[in-house]
Amino acid sequence: PRRANPRVRVTKGSVGIGGEQTGIYPQDSSGGWNIIGKSPIDFFDVSKVSPCFAKPGDRIQFVPVGLETYSNIEVEVNYVVYELKSSSV
């Protein structure tokens, strides 16, 4: 279940679970979901033709990475050179 008392600030990229749903916070905001991790990837970018890389019904697999790998991905995202891996199921 969602938290009884939502957090005032949840950082961008936080991955949360609320009920049977998983969500990624696209920007710093308040929120009441239980945070289970964080992603360095920008999941939403209004400057792109398609602001969100995923569509309703898509499945996203989260892969745990160490701090060094996380930091490397974060740098690549900031320099706009990181590419998400995708596949059709």
N, C-alpha and C. Protein backbone atom coordinates (compact mmCIF):
# COMPACT_ATOMS: atom_id res chain seq x y z
N PRO A 1 0.82 -1.21 0.00
CA PRO A 1 0.00 0.00 0.00
C PRO A 1 0.86 1.27 0.00
N ARG A 2 0.23 2.35 -0.41
CA ARG A 2 0.93 3.64 -0.40
C ARG A 2 1.23 4.03 1.04
N ARG A 3 2.16 4.94 1.19
CA ARG A 3 2.52 5.43 2.53
C ARG A 3 1.36 6.22 3.13
N ALA A 4 1.18 6.09 4.43
CA ALA A 4 0.13 6.85 5.12
C ALA A 4 0.44 8.35 5.08
N ASN A 5 1.72 8.70 5.15
CA ASN A 5 2.15 10.09 5.11
C ASN A 5 3.11 10.28 3.94
N PRO A 6 2.65 10.89 2.84
CA PRO A 6 3.51 11.09 1.68
C PRO A 6 4.74 11.93 2.03
N ARG A 7 5.82 11.68 1.30
CA ARG A 7 7.04 12.47 1.44
C ARG A 7 6.83 13.84 0.81
N VAL A 8 7.45 14.85 1.38
CA VAL A 8 7.38 16.20 0.82
C VAL A 8 8.20 16.27 -0.46
N ARG A 9 9.33 15.54 -0.49
CA ARG A 9 10.20 15.58 -1.68
C ARG A 9 10.72 14.20 -2.01
N VAL A 10 10.44 13.79 -3.24
CA VAL A 10 10.98 12.56 -3.80
C VAL A 10 11.82 12.99 -5.00
N THR A 11 13.06 12.50 -5.10
CA THR A 11 13.94 12.95 -6.16
C THR A 11 13.61 12.33 -7.52
N LYS A 12 13.90 13.10 -8.55
CA LYS A 12 13.71 12.67 -9.94
C LYS A 12 14.41 11.33 -10.14
N GLY A 13 13.74 10.41 -10.84
CA GLY A 13 14.31 9.10 -11.13
C GLY A 13 14.00 8.04 -10.10
N SER A 14 13.37 8.44 -8.98
CA SER A 14 13.02 7.46 -7.96
C SER A 14 11.99 6.49 -8.51
N VAL A 15 12.17 5.22 -8.19
CA VAL A 15 11.25 4.17 -8.63
C VAL A 15 10.41 3.79 -7.43
N GLY A 16 9.10 3.88 -7.57
CA GLY A 16 8.22 3.60 -6.45
C GLY A 16 7.15 2.58 -6.79
N ILE A 17 6.63 1.96 -5.75
CA ILE A 17 5.53 1.01 -5.89
C ILE A 17 4.38 1.51 -5.05
N GLY A 18 3.20 1.51 -5.64
CA GLY A 18 1.98 1.88 -4.93
C GLY A 18 0.88 0.93 -5.35
N GLY A 19 0.46 0.07 -4.46
CA GLY A 19 -0.54 -0.93 -4.84
C GLY A 19 0.08 -1.90 -5.83
N GLU A 20 -0.56 -2.07 -6.98
CA GLU A 20 -0.06 -2.99 -8.01
C GLU A 20 0.65 -2.26 -9.13
N GLN A 21 1.01 -1.01 -8.92
CA GLN A 21 1.65 -0.21 -9.97
C GLN A 21 3.06 0.19 -9.57
N THR A 22 3.89 0.36 -10.58
CA THR A 22 5.23 0.89 -10.40
C THR A 22 5.29 2.19 -11.17
N GLY A 23 5.93 3.18 -10.59
CA GLY A 23 6.06 4.47 -11.26
C GLY A 23 7.46 5.02 -11.08
N ILE A 24 7.86 5.85 -12.03
CA ILE A 24 9.14 6.53 -11.96
C ILE A 24 8.86 8.02 -11.88
N TYR A 25 9.39 8.67 -10.88
CA TYR A 25 9.17 10.10 -10.72
C TYR A 25 9.98 10.85 -11.79
N PRO A 26 9.31 11.55 -12.74
CA PRO A 26 10.02 12.22 -13.83
C PRO A 26 10.70 13.52 -13.41
N GLN A 27 10.36 14.01 -12.24
CA GLN A 27 10.98 15.23 -11.70
C GLN A 27 10.86 15.19 -10.18
N ASP A 28 11.60 16.06 -9.50
CA ASP A 28 11.45 16.14 -8.05
C ASP A 28 10.01 16.55 -7.74
N SER A 29 9.38 15.86 -6.82
CA SER A 29 8.01 16.18 -6.44
C SER A 29 7.67 15.50 -5.12
N SER A 30 6.49 15.76 -4.63
CA SER A 30 6.03 15.05 -3.45
C SER A 30 5.48 13.70 -3.90
N GLY A 31 5.33 12.77 -2.97
CA GLY A 31 4.78 11.48 -3.37
C GLY A 31 4.59 10.54 -2.20
N GLY A 32 3.64 9.63 -2.37
CA GLY A 32 3.30 8.70 -1.30
C GLY A 32 3.60 7.25 -1.61
N TRP A 33 4.30 6.99 -2.72
CA TRP A 33 4.62 5.62 -3.05
C TRP A 33 5.84 5.17 -2.25
N ASN A 34 6.00 3.87 -2.09
CA ASN A 34 7.16 3.30 -1.42
C ASN A 34 8.31 3.24 -2.43
N ILE A 35 9.41 3.90 -2.12
CA ILE A 35 10.55 3.98 -3.03
C ILE A 35 11.39 2.72 -2.90
N ILE A 36 11.66 2.08 -4.05
CA ILE A 36 12.44 0.84 -4.05
C ILE A 36 13.77 0.99 -4.76
N GLY A 37 14.01 2.13 -5.37
CA GLY A 37 15.27 2.33 -6.08
C GLY A 37 15.28 3.67 -6.79
N LYS A 38 16.29 3.85 -7.62
CA LYS A 38 16.43 5.11 -8.37
C LYS A 38 17.09 4.81 -9.69
N SER A 39 16.70 5.53 -10.73
CA SER A 39 17.28 5.36 -12.05
C SER A 39 17.92 6.67 -12.51
N PRO A 40 19.09 6.59 -13.15
CA PRO A 40 19.72 7.79 -13.68
C PRO A 40 19.16 8.19 -15.05
N ILE A 41 18.28 7.39 -15.59
CA ILE A 41 17.75 7.63 -16.94
C ILE A 41 16.61 8.64 -16.91
N ASP A 42 16.58 9.52 -17.92
CA ASP A 42 15.46 10.45 -18.07
C ASP A 42 14.32 9.72 -18.77
N PHE A 43 13.26 9.48 -18.06
CA PHE A 43 12.13 8.76 -18.64
C PHE A 43 11.16 9.70 -19.36
N PHE A 44 11.29 10.99 -19.12
CA PHE A 44 10.38 11.96 -19.73
C PHE A 44 11.16 13.22 -20.08
N ASP A 45 11.04 13.65 -21.35
CA ASP A 45 11.77 14.83 -21.81
C ASP A 45 10.87 15.60 -22.79
N VAL A 46 10.33 16.73 -22.35
CA VAL A 46 9.39 17.50 -23.17
C VAL A 46 10.03 18.05 -24.44
N SER A 47 11.37 18.10 -24.52
CA SER A 47 12.03 18.64 -25.71
C SER A 47 12.07 17.63 -26.86
N LYS A 48 11.71 16.37 -26.60
CA LYS A 48 11.74 15.34 -27.64
C LYS A 48 10.40 15.23 -28.35
N VAL A 49 10.44 14.75 -29.59
CA VAL A 49 9.20 14.53 -30.37
C VAL A 49 8.28 13.57 -29.62
N SER A 50 8.84 12.49 -29.12
CA SER A 50 8.11 11.56 -28.25
C SER A 50 8.68 11.74 -26.84
N PRO A 51 8.00 12.56 -26.00
CA PRO A 51 8.55 12.90 -24.67
C PRO A 51 8.83 11.70 -23.76
N CYS A 52 8.08 10.62 -23.92
CA CYS A 52 8.28 9.44 -23.08
C CYS A 52 8.65 8.26 -23.98
N PHE A 53 9.72 7.56 -23.63
CA PHE A 53 10.17 6.46 -24.48
C PHE A 53 9.23 5.27 -24.44
N ALA A 54 8.43 5.15 -23.39
CA ALA A 54 7.53 4.01 -23.23
C ALA A 54 6.10 4.42 -23.56
N LYS A 55 5.33 3.41 -23.96
CA LYS A 55 3.91 3.63 -24.26
C LYS A 55 3.07 2.80 -23.29
N PRO A 56 1.80 3.17 -23.10
CA PRO A 56 0.96 2.36 -22.23
C PRO A 56 0.98 0.89 -22.66
N GLY A 57 1.14 0.02 -21.70
CA GLY A 57 1.18 -1.42 -21.97
C GLY A 57 2.58 -1.97 -22.15
N ASP A 58 3.58 -1.09 -22.35
CA ASP A 58 4.96 -1.55 -22.46
C ASP A 58 5.41 -2.15 -21.14
N ARG A 59 6.32 -3.08 -21.22
CA ARG A 59 6.93 -3.68 -20.02
C ARG A 59 8.34 -3.14 -19.90
N ILE A 60 8.69 -2.75 -18.69
CA ILE A 60 10.02 -2.22 -18.43
C ILE A 60 10.68 -3.12 -17.40
N GLN A 61 11.90 -3.54 -17.70
CA GLN A 61 12.65 -4.37 -16.77
C GLN A 61 13.72 -3.52 -16.11
N PHE A 62 13.70 -3.48 -14.81
CA PHE A 62 14.72 -2.76 -14.04
C PHE A 62 15.84 -3.73 -13.70
N VAL A 63 17.07 -3.30 -13.93
CA VAL A 63 18.23 -4.14 -13.69
C VAL A 63 19.09 -3.48 -12.61
N PRO A 64 19.40 -4.20 -11.54
CA PRO A 64 20.23 -3.59 -10.50
C PRO A 64 21.66 -3.37 -11.00
N VAL A 65 22.22 -2.23 -10.64
CA VAL A 65 23.61 -1.92 -11.00
C VAL A 65 24.32 -1.37 -9.77
N GLY A 66 25.62 -1.47 -9.78
CA GLY A 66 26.43 -0.92 -8.69
C GLY A 66 26.54 0.59 -8.82
N LEU A 67 27.08 1.21 -7.80
CA LEU A 67 27.20 2.66 -7.76
C LEU A 67 28.07 3.21 -8.90
N GLU A 68 29.15 2.51 -9.23
CA GLU A 68 30.03 2.97 -10.31
C GLU A 68 29.31 2.94 -11.65
N THR A 69 28.59 1.86 -11.94
CA THR A 69 27.83 1.77 -13.19
C THR A 69 26.73 2.82 -13.22
N TYR A 70 26.05 3.01 -12.10
CA TYR A 70 25.01 4.04 -12.01
C TYR A 70 25.60 5.41 -12.36
N SER A 71 26.75 5.73 -11.78
CA SER A 71 27.40 7.01 -12.02
C SER A 71 27.81 7.16 -13.48
N ASN A 72 28.32 6.08 -14.09
CA ASN A 72 28.70 6.12 -15.50
C ASN A 72 27.49 6.36 -16.40
N ILE A 73 26.38 5.70 -16.11
CA ILE A 73 25.16 5.90 -16.88
C ILE A 73 24.67 7.34 -16.72
N GLU A 74 24.72 7.84 -15.49
CA GLU A 74 24.29 9.22 -15.21
C GLU A 74 25.10 10.23 -16.04
N VAL A 75 26.42 10.02 -16.14
CA VAL A 75 27.27 10.90 -16.95
C VAL A 75 26.85 10.82 -18.42
N GLU A 76 26.65 9.60 -18.94
CA GLU A 76 26.23 9.43 -20.33
C GLU A 76 24.88 10.09 -20.60
N VAL A 77 23.96 9.98 -19.64
CA VAL A 77 22.65 10.64 -19.78
C VAL A 77 22.83 12.15 -19.84
N ASN A 78 23.66 12.70 -18.97
CA ASN A 78 23.89 14.14 -18.94
C ASN A 78 24.53 14.66 -20.22
N TYR A 79 25.36 13.82 -20.87
CA TYR A 79 26.00 14.21 -22.13
C TYR A 79 25.17 13.77 -23.35
N VAL A 80 23.98 13.24 -23.09
CA VAL A 80 23.03 12.80 -24.12
C VAL A 80 23.67 11.78 -25.07
N VAL A 81 24.42 10.84 -24.51
CA VAL A 81 25.01 9.78 -25.32
C VAL A 81 24.54 8.38 -24.87
N TYR A 82 23.77 8.32 -23.80
CA TYR A 82 23.29 7.03 -23.31
C TYR A 82 22.15 6.55 -24.17
N GLU A 83 22.15 5.26 -24.54
CA GLU A 83 21.07 4.69 -25.32
C GLU A 83 20.42 3.54 -24.55
N LEU A 84 19.11 3.62 -24.42
CA LEU A 84 18.36 2.55 -23.76
C LEU A 84 18.35 1.32 -24.65
N LYS A 85 18.43 0.16 -24.03
CA LYS A 85 18.30 -1.08 -24.78
C LYS A 85 16.83 -1.46 -24.81
N SER A 86 16.33 -1.79 -25.98
CA SER A 86 14.94 -2.21 -26.07
C SER A 86 14.84 -3.44 -26.95
N SER A 87 13.79 -4.20 -26.72
CA SER A 87 13.55 -5.40 -27.54
C SER A 87 12.06 -5.67 -27.58
N SER A 88 11.66 -6.35 -28.62
CA SER A 88 10.26 -6.75 -28.75
C SER A 88 10.10 -8.16 -28.17
N VAL A 89 9.00 -8.34 -27.48
CA VAL A 89 8.74 -9.64 -26.87
C VAL A 89 7.65 -10.35 -27.66
